[in-house]
């Protein structure tokens, strides 16, 4: 059989151990075996996101995690800064508009990173801003934004910083707690090396305070309900069990390699590709 080479931003080739895990008999998602599996996955996700807080897990594409973040942190009529520097930065704005929010756009030429001073200026001009929506790595252009600098700016205000890291999770360093990022959204089909179908949302203490106050409608993507379920090593609704089994293998491989080595390997491969 001819080998297929998948050279896309995502989905990416699946880790062999993850493929084998998905071929195993499925587990009952309310049984003790799955609870033990999910307990291990919860710890592995905290390691990957570099956070002490819970990382929520949803059966969804990454966009579901983005939408869930919007509806769980904001309320009708809220204003938010949205950095648009590519297709997925634009998606933050489209979601905000769909829920009747008032986005304030920072438009950046595709292929360029946003200047952090523009974020500072937008926040200074409008103290009512509740959130800043950014992309870590814009997969439509390959640009990486200076989230560390943006986090310092947002951290001095009441607003939260929400970052789409679907492209960069497991590829580029994004130490959530150390940098002070409030919400990080991830997906399964890129740096995690498993098929599409899982979305992740990690939330800081400041972010959870916003969740408690949010008044936008939500049902499936209910962060408070999902956190309560995870504390019992359960999912609120039926999860993609086989994908969670694959995720367990991926997280084990990432932990075995170590984050420093993992990021260095991706940087080396990126430079080789460009050369």
Protein backbone atom coordinates (compact mmCIF):
# COMPACT_ATOMS: atom_id res chain seq x y z
CA UNK A 1 0.00 0.00 0.00
CA UNK A 2 1.37 3.39 -1.04
CA UNK A 3 2.23 5.63 1.88
CA UNK A 4 0.31 8.90 2.01
CA UNK A 5 2.17 12.02 3.12
CA UNK A 6 -0.14 14.53 4.80
CA UNK A 7 1.54 17.94 4.61
CA UNK A 8 -1.14 20.27 5.94
CA UNK A 9 -1.48 22.61 8.94
CA UNK A 10 -4.07 20.16 10.25
CA UNK A 11 -5.17 17.45 10.36
CA UNK A 12 -1.63 16.21 10.78
CA UNK A 13 -0.34 12.61 10.66
CA UNK A 14 -1.64 10.58 13.59
CA UNK A 15 0.75 9.17 16.19
CA UNK A 16 1.03 5.36 15.65
CA UNK A 17 0.28 4.60 19.31
CA UNK A 18 -2.82 6.77 19.05
CA UNK A 19 -3.98 4.82 15.98
CA UNK A 20 -3.55 1.58 17.89
CA UNK A 21 -5.45 2.99 20.88
CA UNK A 22 -8.41 3.85 18.66
CA UNK A 23 -8.46 0.28 17.35
CA UNK A 24 -8.97 -1.13 20.86
CA UNK A 25 -12.47 -2.04 22.12
CA UNK A 26 -14.35 1.08 23.18
CA UNK A 27 -14.78 1.86 26.87
CA UNK A 28 -18.07 2.68 28.57
CA UNK A 29 -17.86 6.38 29.30
CA UNK A 30 -19.53 6.05 32.72
CA UNK A 31 -17.43 3.11 33.86
CA UNK A 32 -14.36 3.00 36.13
CA UNK A 33 -11.89 2.31 33.29
CA UNK A 34 -12.88 5.49 31.49
CA UNK A 35 -12.80 7.48 34.73
CA UNK A 36 -9.20 6.37 35.30
CA UNK A 37 -8.34 7.24 31.69
CA UNK A 38 -9.87 10.70 31.99
CA UNK A 39 -8.08 11.36 35.29
CA UNK A 40 -4.77 10.76 33.52
CA UNK A 41 -5.80 12.89 30.53
CA UNK A 42 -6.76 15.78 32.84
CA UNK A 43 -3.27 15.83 34.34
CA UNK A 44 -1.64 15.51 30.93
CA UNK A 45 -3.60 18.49 29.60
CA UNK A 46 -2.55 20.65 32.56
CA UNK A 47 1.07 19.71 31.81
CA UNK A 48 0.69 20.64 28.14
CA UNK A 49 -1.16 23.92 28.79
CA UNK A 50 1.28 24.71 31.62
CA UNK A 51 -1.53 25.56 34.03
CA UNK A 52 -2.69 24.57 37.49
CA UNK A 53 -6.33 25.03 36.49
CA UNK A 54 -8.73 22.61 34.87
CA UNK A 55 -8.63 22.14 31.09
CA UNK A 56 -12.12 21.53 29.76
CA UNK A 57 -12.59 18.92 27.05
CA UNK A 58 -15.41 18.95 24.48
CA UNK A 59 -16.30 16.68 21.57
CA UNK A 60 -16.07 19.36 18.91
CA UNK A 61 -13.82 21.04 16.40
CA UNK A 62 -11.66 23.84 17.70
CA UNK A 63 -14.25 26.38 16.60
CA UNK A 64 -16.64 24.90 19.16
CA UNK A 65 -14.09 25.74 21.84
CA UNK A 66 -13.89 29.28 20.49
CA UNK A 67 -17.66 29.70 20.54
CA UNK A 68 -17.85 28.15 23.99
CA UNK A 69 -15.32 30.65 25.27
CA UNK A 70 -17.29 33.61 23.94
CA UNK A 71 -20.64 32.51 25.41
CA UNK A 72 -19.15 31.54 28.77
CA UNK A 73 -17.18 34.71 29.46
CA UNK A 74 -19.29 37.57 28.07
CA UNK A 75 -22.79 39.02 28.34
CA UNK A 76 -25.14 40.69 25.82
CA UNK A 77 -23.79 44.00 24.55
CA UNK A 78 -20.27 43.53 25.94
CA UNK A 79 -17.39 45.13 24.03
CA UNK A 80 -14.28 43.18 23.10
CA UNK A 81 -11.06 43.79 21.20
CA UNK A 82 -10.57 41.36 18.31
CA UNK A 83 -7.21 41.10 16.56
CA UNK A 84 -7.80 40.28 12.89
CA UNK A 85 -4.62 39.24 11.12
CA UNK A 86 -5.83 36.18 9.21
CA UNK A 87 -8.75 33.84 8.67
CA UNK A 88 -8.94 32.61 12.25
CA UNK A 89 -8.56 36.01 13.83
CA UNK A 90 -11.56 36.99 11.71
CA UNK A 91 -13.47 34.02 13.14
CA UNK A 92 -13.30 35.51 16.66
CA UNK A 93 -15.10 38.57 15.33
CA UNK A 94 -17.71 36.52 13.48
CA UNK A 95 -18.56 34.61 16.65
CA UNK A 96 -18.79 37.81 18.70
CA UNK A 97 -21.10 39.39 16.12
CA UNK A 98 -23.29 36.26 16.05
CA UNK A 99 -23.99 36.71 19.76
CA UNK A 100 -24.72 40.42 19.64
CA UNK A 101 -21.43 41.56 21.14
CA UNK A 102 -19.63 44.73 20.06
CA UNK A 103 -16.17 43.88 18.70
CA UNK A 104 -13.54 46.58 18.37
CA UNK A 105 -11.26 45.44 15.56
CA UNK A 106 -7.50 45.75 15.27
CA UNK A 107 -6.84 44.93 11.63
CA UNK A 108 -3.34 43.75 10.76
CA UNK A 109 -2.02 43.03 7.30
CA UNK A 110 -2.04 39.29 6.61
CA UNK A 111 1.45 37.92 7.10
CA UNK A 112 2.38 40.41 9.83
CA UNK A 113 2.21 40.16 13.62
CA UNK A 114 0.19 42.64 15.64
CA UNK A 115 2.06 45.42 17.46
CA UNK A 116 1.26 45.02 21.17
CA UNK A 117 1.04 48.81 21.52
CA UNK A 118 -2.09 48.72 19.36
CA UNK A 119 -3.75 46.50 21.96
CA UNK A 120 -2.69 48.88 24.73
CA UNK A 121 -4.12 51.83 22.80
CA UNK A 122 -7.45 50.07 22.21
CA UNK A 123 -7.81 49.22 25.90
CA UNK A 124 -6.88 52.76 26.96
CA UNK A 125 -9.42 54.24 24.55
CA UNK A 126 -12.28 52.13 25.91
CA UNK A 127 -12.13 51.07 29.58
CA UNK A 128 -15.41 49.11 29.12
CA UNK A 129 -13.62 46.41 27.08
CA UNK A 130 -14.26 43.01 28.70
CA UNK A 131 -12.01 40.76 26.61
CA UNK A 132 -9.22 40.69 24.04
CA UNK A 133 -9.42 37.88 21.48
CA UNK A 134 -6.15 36.91 19.83
CA UNK A 135 -4.55 34.09 17.85
CA UNK A 136 -1.20 32.66 18.93
CA UNK A 137 -0.20 31.26 15.55
CA UNK A 138 -2.35 32.23 12.58
CA UNK A 139 -2.47 29.05 10.48
CA UNK A 140 -3.69 30.94 7.39
CA UNK A 141 -0.34 32.80 7.25
CA UNK A 142 2.05 31.10 9.69
CA UNK A 143 2.54 34.29 11.73
CA UNK A 144 3.10 33.97 15.48
CA UNK A 145 1.99 36.84 17.71
CA UNK A 146 3.77 38.11 20.82
CA UNK A 147 1.23 36.78 23.31
CA UNK A 148 3.60 37.27 26.23
CA UNK A 149 3.73 41.04 25.61
CA UNK A 150 -0.01 41.26 24.95
CA UNK A 151 -0.73 39.34 28.17
CA UNK A 152 1.30 41.87 30.19
CA UNK A 153 -0.78 44.68 28.71
CA UNK A 154 -4.17 43.02 29.22
CA UNK A 155 -3.20 41.85 32.71
CA UNK A 156 -3.07 45.47 33.90
CA UNK A 157 -6.78 45.89 33.06
CA UNK A 158 -10.05 44.22 34.13
CA UNK A 159 -10.28 42.57 30.68
CA UNK A 160 -9.35 38.95 30.01
CA UNK A 161 -7.03 37.71 27.26
CA UNK A 162 -8.42 34.83 25.20
CA UNK A 163 -6.03 33.05 22.84
CA UNK A 164 -6.75 30.66 19.99
CA UNK A 165 -3.83 28.22 20.25
CA UNK A 166 -5.38 25.55 18.05
CA UNK A 167 -2.42 25.76 15.67
CA UNK A 168 0.32 26.23 18.25
CA UNK A 169 -0.63 23.89 21.11
CA UNK A 170 2.16 21.35 21.43
CA UNK A 171 4.22 23.22 18.81
CA UNK A 172 5.24 26.60 20.26
CA UNK A 173 5.70 27.60 23.88
CA UNK A 174 2.64 29.18 25.52
CA UNK A 175 3.05 28.95 29.31
CA UNK A 176 -0.45 29.99 30.22
CA UNK A 177 -0.03 30.63 33.94
CA UNK A 178 3.44 32.19 33.73
CA UNK A 179 2.38 34.66 31.02
CA UNK A 180 -1.04 35.40 32.56
CA UNK A 181 -3.23 34.25 29.67
CA UNK A 182 -6.84 33.87 30.81
CA UNK A 183 -8.31 31.42 28.30
CA UNK A 184 -6.44 29.16 25.88
CA UNK A 185 -8.36 27.21 23.24
CA UNK A 186 -6.83 24.12 21.65
CA UNK A 187 -7.76 21.37 19.22
CA UNK A 188 -6.80 17.74 18.77
CA UNK A 189 -5.82 17.58 15.11
CA UNK A 190 -2.58 19.55 14.96
CA UNK A 191 0.27 19.44 17.48
CA UNK A 192 -1.50 16.74 19.49
CA UNK A 193 -1.18 14.32 16.55
CA UNK A 194 -4.64 12.75 16.75
CA UNK A 195 -7.72 13.10 14.51
CA UNK A 196 -10.06 16.11 14.58
CA UNK A 197 -12.91 16.03 17.07
CA UNK A 198 -11.74 17.33 20.45
CA UNK A 199 -11.60 20.94 21.63
CA UNK A 200 -9.88 22.13 24.82
CA UNK A 201 -10.50 25.26 26.89
CA UNK A 202 -8.16 26.15 29.75
CA UNK A 203 -9.37 28.96 32.02
CA UNK A 204 -7.50 31.09 34.58
CA UNK A 205 -8.89 32.24 37.93
CA UNK A 206 -9.60 35.66 36.38
CA UNK A 207 -11.34 33.91 33.51
CA UNK A 208 -13.49 31.82 35.86
CA UNK A 209 -14.64 35.00 37.59
CA UNK A 210 -15.92 36.19 34.20
CA UNK A 211 -17.61 32.81 33.63
CA UNK A 212 -19.53 33.21 36.88
CA UNK A 213 -20.95 36.54 35.62
CA UNK A 214 -21.64 35.58 31.98
CA UNK A 215 -25.24 35.94 30.77
CA UNK A 216 -25.01 34.75 27.16
CA UNK A 217 -27.04 31.60 26.35
CA UNK A 218 -25.24 28.27 26.57
CA UNK A 219 -26.14 24.60 26.83
CA UNK A 220 -23.66 22.09 25.40
CA UNK A 221 -20.65 24.39 25.86
CA UNK A 222 -21.37 25.12 29.52
CA UNK A 223 -18.03 25.64 31.26
CA UNK A 224 -19.38 25.46 34.82
CA UNK A 225 -21.24 22.21 34.14
CA UNK A 226 -18.23 20.69 32.39
CA UNK A 227 -15.85 21.61 35.20
CA UNK A 228 -18.22 20.04 37.73
CA UNK A 229 -18.31 16.82 35.69
CA UNK A 230 -14.54 16.71 35.21
CA UNK A 231 -13.98 16.96 38.94
CA UNK A 232 -15.69 13.53 39.08
CA UNK A 233 -13.64 12.26 36.10
CA UNK A 234 -16.73 12.40 33.93
CA UNK A 235 -17.89 14.33 30.87
CA UNK A 236 -21.26 16.06 30.97
CA UNK A 237 -22.34 14.52 27.68
CA UNK A 238 -21.21 11.42 25.78
CA UNK A 239 -17.57 12.03 24.80
CA UNK A 240 -15.67 10.82 21.74
CA UNK A 241 -14.27 7.91 23.76
CA UNK A 242 -11.89 6.61 21.09
CA UNK A 243 -10.41 10.07 20.62
CA UNK A 244 -9.88 10.42 24.36
CA UNK A 245 -8.08 7.05 24.30
CA UNK A 246 -5.88 8.40 21.48
CA UNK A 247 -5.32 11.64 23.40
CA UNK A 248 -4.05 9.64 26.37
CA UNK A 249 -1.30 8.17 24.17
CA UNK A 250 -0.43 11.53 22.62
CA UNK A 251 -0.11 13.23 26.00
CA UNK A 252 2.04 10.37 27.28
CA UNK A 253 4.40 10.81 24.30
CA UNK A 254 4.56 14.58 24.85
CA UNK A 255 5.34 14.17 28.54
CA UNK A 256 8.04 11.59 27.75
CA UNK A 257 9.73 13.93 25.27
CA UNK A 258 9.39 16.99 27.52
CA UNK A 259 8.09 20.40 26.49
CA UNK A 260 11.50 22.00 25.96
CA UNK A 261 12.60 19.24 23.60
CA UNK A 262 9.19 19.22 21.92
CA UNK A 263 9.27 22.93 21.08
CA UNK A 264 12.91 22.74 19.98
CA UNK A 265 12.10 19.86 17.60
CA UNK A 266 9.26 21.79 15.99
CA UNK A 267 11.45 24.86 15.64
CA UNK A 268 14.18 22.76 14.00
CA UNK A 269 11.68 21.20 11.57
CA UNK A 270 10.20 24.61 10.76
CA UNK A 271 13.60 26.08 9.95
CA UNK A 272 14.47 23.04 7.84
CA UNK A 273 11.21 23.38 5.91
CA UNK A 274 11.83 27.06 5.22
CA UNK A 275 15.40 26.38 4.13
